[in-house]
Amino acid sequence: MDNYGEHMGQGRARDSQARRDAVTVEIGYALCSALFLAIVVFGAVAGPALVFELSDTAQNTLVASGTALGAVLFTVRVVSVLNRFAREHDGTGGTQPSQPGRTNPDS
């Protein structure tokens, strides 16, 4: 009987470890995709300031705008990816019927 209790505990430990691994992967994905987005946006906005001869005011404005927009989009991307992951894994992610007691929204 002792072995049965040990196996049950190991199953929960594996589930817990799998959940931690999934969260770690999702955080990594959120950070990498957000960094990519921020770099692309910064390059699109500030790129002309770095490539063309512009006035100092125009260069500073484009670089500051690219930095600010990249930072904002980085934050929004990380939050949106992690919120979507949390919704999908806590049971509130869009799979619920639209009406209580019904199994299909069209029924």
C-alpha atoms as a PDB file:
ATOM      1  CA  MET A   1       0.000   0.000   0.000  1.00  0.00           C
ATOM      2  CA  ASP A   2       2.893   2.354   0.598  1.00  0.00           C
ATOM      3  CA  ASN A   3       3.894   2.207  -3.059  1.00  0.00           C
ATOM      4  CA  TYR A   4       0.441   3.355  -4.125  1.00  0.00           C
ATOM      5  CA  GLY A   5       0.707   6.509  -2.022  1.00  0.00           C
ATOM      6  CA  GLU A   6       4.170   7.224  -3.376  1.00  0.00           C
ATOM      7  CA  HIS A   7       2.996   6.910  -6.972  1.00  0.00           C
ATOM      8  CA  MET A   8       0.118   9.278  -6.341  1.00  0.00           C
ATOM      9  CA  GLY A   9       2.488  11.865  -4.894  1.00  0.00           C
ATOM     10  CA  GLN A  10       4.863  11.468  -7.828  1.00  0.00           C
ATOM     11  CA  GLY A  11       2.039  12.052 -10.279  1.00  0.00           C
ATOM     12  CA  ARG A  12       1.163  15.339  -8.624  1.00  0.00           C
ATOM     13  CA  ALA A  13       4.827  16.306  -8.560  1.00  0.00           C
ATOM     14  CA  ARG A  14       5.121  15.578 -12.297  1.00  0.00           C
ATOM     15  CA  ASP A  15       1.999  17.627 -13.016  1.00  0.00           C
ATOM     16  CA  SER A  16       3.377  20.458 -10.923  1.00  0.00           C
ATOM     17  CA  GLN A  17       6.738  20.275 -12.692  1.00  0.00           C
ATOM     18  CA  ALA A  18       5.013  20.184 -16.082  1.00  0.00           C
ATOM     19  CA  ARG A  19       3.004  23.260 -15.134  1.00  0.00           C
ATOM     20  CA  ARG A  20       6.168  25.112 -14.045  1.00  0.00           C
ATOM     21  CA  ASP A  21       7.885  24.099 -17.281  1.00  0.00           C
ATOM     22  CA  ALA A  22       4.928  25.328 -19.336  1.00  0.00           C
ATOM     23  CA  VAL A  23       4.942  28.658 -17.503  1.00  0.00           C
ATOM     24  CA  THR A  24       8.703  29.006 -18.048  1.00  0.00           C
ATOM     25  CA  VAL A  25       8.375  28.311 -21.772  1.00  0.00           C
ATOM     26  CA  GLU A  26       5.482  30.762 -22.084  1.00  0.00           C
ATOM     27  CA  ILE A  27       7.426  33.498 -20.276  1.00  0.00           C
ATOM     28  CA  GLY A  28      10.381  32.898 -22.598  1.00  0.00           C
ATOM     29  CA  TYR A  29       8.110  33.060 -25.640  1.00  0.00           C
ATOM     30  CA  ALA A  30       6.469  36.253 -24.387  1.00  0.00           C
ATOM     31  CA  LEU A  31       9.826  37.947 -23.782  1.00  0.00           C
ATOM     32  CA  CYS A  32      11.398  36.844 -27.081  1.00  0.00           C
ATOM     33  CA  SER A  33       8.414  37.761 -29.238  1.00  0.00           C
ATOM     34  CA  ALA A  34       8.053  41.097 -27.425  1.00  0.00           C
ATOM     35  CA  LEU A  35      11.754  41.864 -27.890  1.00  0.00           C
ATOM     36  CA  PHE A  36      11.506  41.058 -31.597  1.00  0.00           C
ATOM     37  CA  LEU A  37       8.465  43.320 -31.948  1.00  0.00           C
ATOM     38  CA  ALA A  38      10.177  46.154 -30.056  1.00  0.00           C
ATOM     39  CA  ILE A  39      13.307  45.912 -32.220  1.00  0.00           C
ATOM     40  CA  VAL A  40      11.303  45.932 -35.449  1.00  0.00           C
ATOM     41  CA  VAL A  41       9.212  48.907 -34.357  1.00  0.00           C
ATOM     42  CA  PHE A  42      12.257  50.807 -33.121  1.00  0.00           C
ATOM     43  CA  GLY A  43      14.012  50.136 -36.437  1.00  0.00           C
ATOM     44  CA  ALA A  44      11.003  51.259 -38.447  1.00  0.00           C
ATOM     45  CA  VAL A  45      10.571  54.489 -36.495  1.00  0.00           C
ATOM     46  CA  ALA A  46      14.175  55.415 -35.676  1.00  0.00           C
ATOM     47  CA  GLY A  47      15.785  53.860 -38.738  1.00  0.00           C
ATOM     48  CA  PRO A  48      15.437  56.910 -40.959  1.00  0.00           C
ATOM     49  CA  ALA A  49      17.183  59.016 -38.305  1.00  0.00           C
ATOM     50  CA  LEU A  50      20.120  56.624 -38.357  1.00  0.00           C
ATOM     51  CA  VAL A  51      20.292  56.244 -42.158  1.00  0.00           C
ATOM     52  CA  PHE A  52      19.559  59.722 -43.509  1.00  0.00           C
ATOM     53  CA  GLU A  53      21.067  63.092 -42.717  1.00  0.00           C
ATOM     54  CA  LEU A  54      18.385  64.767 -40.632  1.00  0.00           C
ATOM     55  CA  SER A  55      18.498  67.693 -38.262  1.00  0.00           C
ATOM     56  CA  ASP A  56      19.433  66.963 -34.668  1.00  0.00           C
ATOM     57  CA  THR A  57      15.880  67.727 -33.553  1.00  0.00           C
ATOM     58  CA  ALA A  58      14.397  65.276 -36.064  1.00  0.00           C
ATOM     59  CA  GLN A  59      16.932  62.590 -35.150  1.00  0.00           C
ATOM     60  CA  ASN A  60      16.293  62.977 -31.428  1.00  0.00           C
ATOM     61  CA  THR A  61      12.531  62.970 -31.956  1.00  0.00           C
ATOM     62  CA  LEU A  62      12.579  59.813 -34.083  1.00  0.00           C
ATOM     63  CA  VAL A  63      14.922  57.938 -31.740  1.00  0.00           C
ATOM     64  CA  ALA A  64      12.916  58.959 -28.661  1.00  0.00           C
ATOM     65  CA  SER A  65       9.627  58.049 -30.374  1.00  0.00           C
ATOM     66  CA  GLY A  66      10.999  54.689 -31.507  1.00  0.00           C
ATOM     67  CA  THR A  67      12.288  53.931 -28.030  1.00  0.00           C
ATOM     68  CA  ALA A  68       9.024  54.888 -26.337  1.00  0.00           C
ATOM     69  CA  LEU A  69       6.842  53.030 -28.832  1.00  0.00           C
ATOM     70  CA  GLY A  70       9.081  49.953 -28.672  1.00  0.00           C
ATOM     71  CA  ALA A  71       8.935  49.933 -24.867  1.00  0.00           C
ATOM     72  CA  VAL A  72       5.157  50.300 -24.819  1.00  0.00           C
ATOM     73  CA  LEU A  73       4.634  47.551 -27.399  1.00  0.00           C
ATOM     74  CA  PHE A  74       7.095  45.285 -25.561  1.00  0.00           C
ATOM     75  CA  THR A  75       5.055  45.644 -22.381  1.00  0.00           C
ATOM     76  CA  VAL A  76       1.719  45.181 -24.144  1.00  0.00           C
ATOM     77  CA  ARG A  77       2.968  42.064 -25.929  1.00  0.00           C
ATOM     78  CA  VAL A  78       4.307  40.427 -22.750  1.00  0.00           C
ATOM     79  CA  VAL A  79       1.103  41.159 -20.821  1.00  0.00           C
ATOM     80  CA  SER A  80      -1.176  39.965 -23.628  1.00  0.00           C
ATOM     81  CA  VAL A  81       0.712  36.684 -24.154  1.00  0.00           C
ATOM     82  CA  LEU A  82       0.807  35.891 -20.446  1.00  0.00           C
ATOM     83  CA  ASN A  83      -2.869  36.826 -19.955  1.00  0.00           C
ATOM     84  CA  ARG A  84      -3.865  34.582 -22.863  1.00  0.00           C
ATOM     85  CA  PHE A  85      -1.823  31.734 -21.374  1.00  0.00           C
ATOM     86  CA  ALA A  86      -3.395  32.239 -17.948  1.00  0.00           C
ATOM     87  CA  ARG A  87      -6.938  32.303 -19.404  1.00  0.00           C
ATOM     88  CA  GLU A  88      -6.340  29.129 -21.404  1.00  0.00           C
ATOM     89  CA  HIS A  89      -5.019  27.260 -18.374  1.00  0.00           C
ATOM     90  CA  ASP A  90      -7.429  28.383 -15.670  1.00  0.00           C
ATOM     91  CA  GLY A  91     -10.612  27.280 -17.421  1.00  0.00           C
ATOM     92  CA  THR A  92     -11.957  30.714 -18.403  1.00  0.00           C
ATOM     93  CA  GLY A  93     -10.653  30.807 -21.938  1.00  0.00           C
ATOM     94  CA  GLY A  94     -13.566  31.033 -24.356  1.00  0.00           C
ATOM     95  CA  THR A  95     -14.572  27.349 -24.242  1.00  0.00           C
ATOM     96  CA  GLN A  96     -17.580  27.966 -22.024  1.00  0.00           C
ATOM     97  CA  PRO A  97     -21.081  27.791 -23.528  1.00  0.00           C
ATOM     98  CA  SER A  98     -22.688  31.161 -24.113  1.00  0.00           C
ATOM     99  CA  GLN A  99     -25.797  30.210 -22.135  1.00  0.00           C
ATOM    100  CA  PRO A 100     -25.836  28.377 -18.797  1.00  0.00           C
ATOM    101  CA  GLY A 101     -26.956  24.782 -19.099  1.00  0.00           C
ATOM    102  CA  ARG A 102     -26.415  24.620 -22.836  1.00  0.00           C
ATOM    103  CA  THR A 103     -23.591  22.692 -24.450  1.00  0.00           C
ATOM    104  CA  ASN A 104     -23.667  24.490 -27.800  1.00  0.00           C
ATOM    105  CA  PRO A 105     -24.304  28.202 -28.383  1.00  0.00           C
ATOM    106  CA  ASP A 106     -26.637  27.306 -31.287  1.00  0.00           C
ATOM    107  CA  SER A 107     -28.792  24.818 -29.360  1.00  0.00           C
END
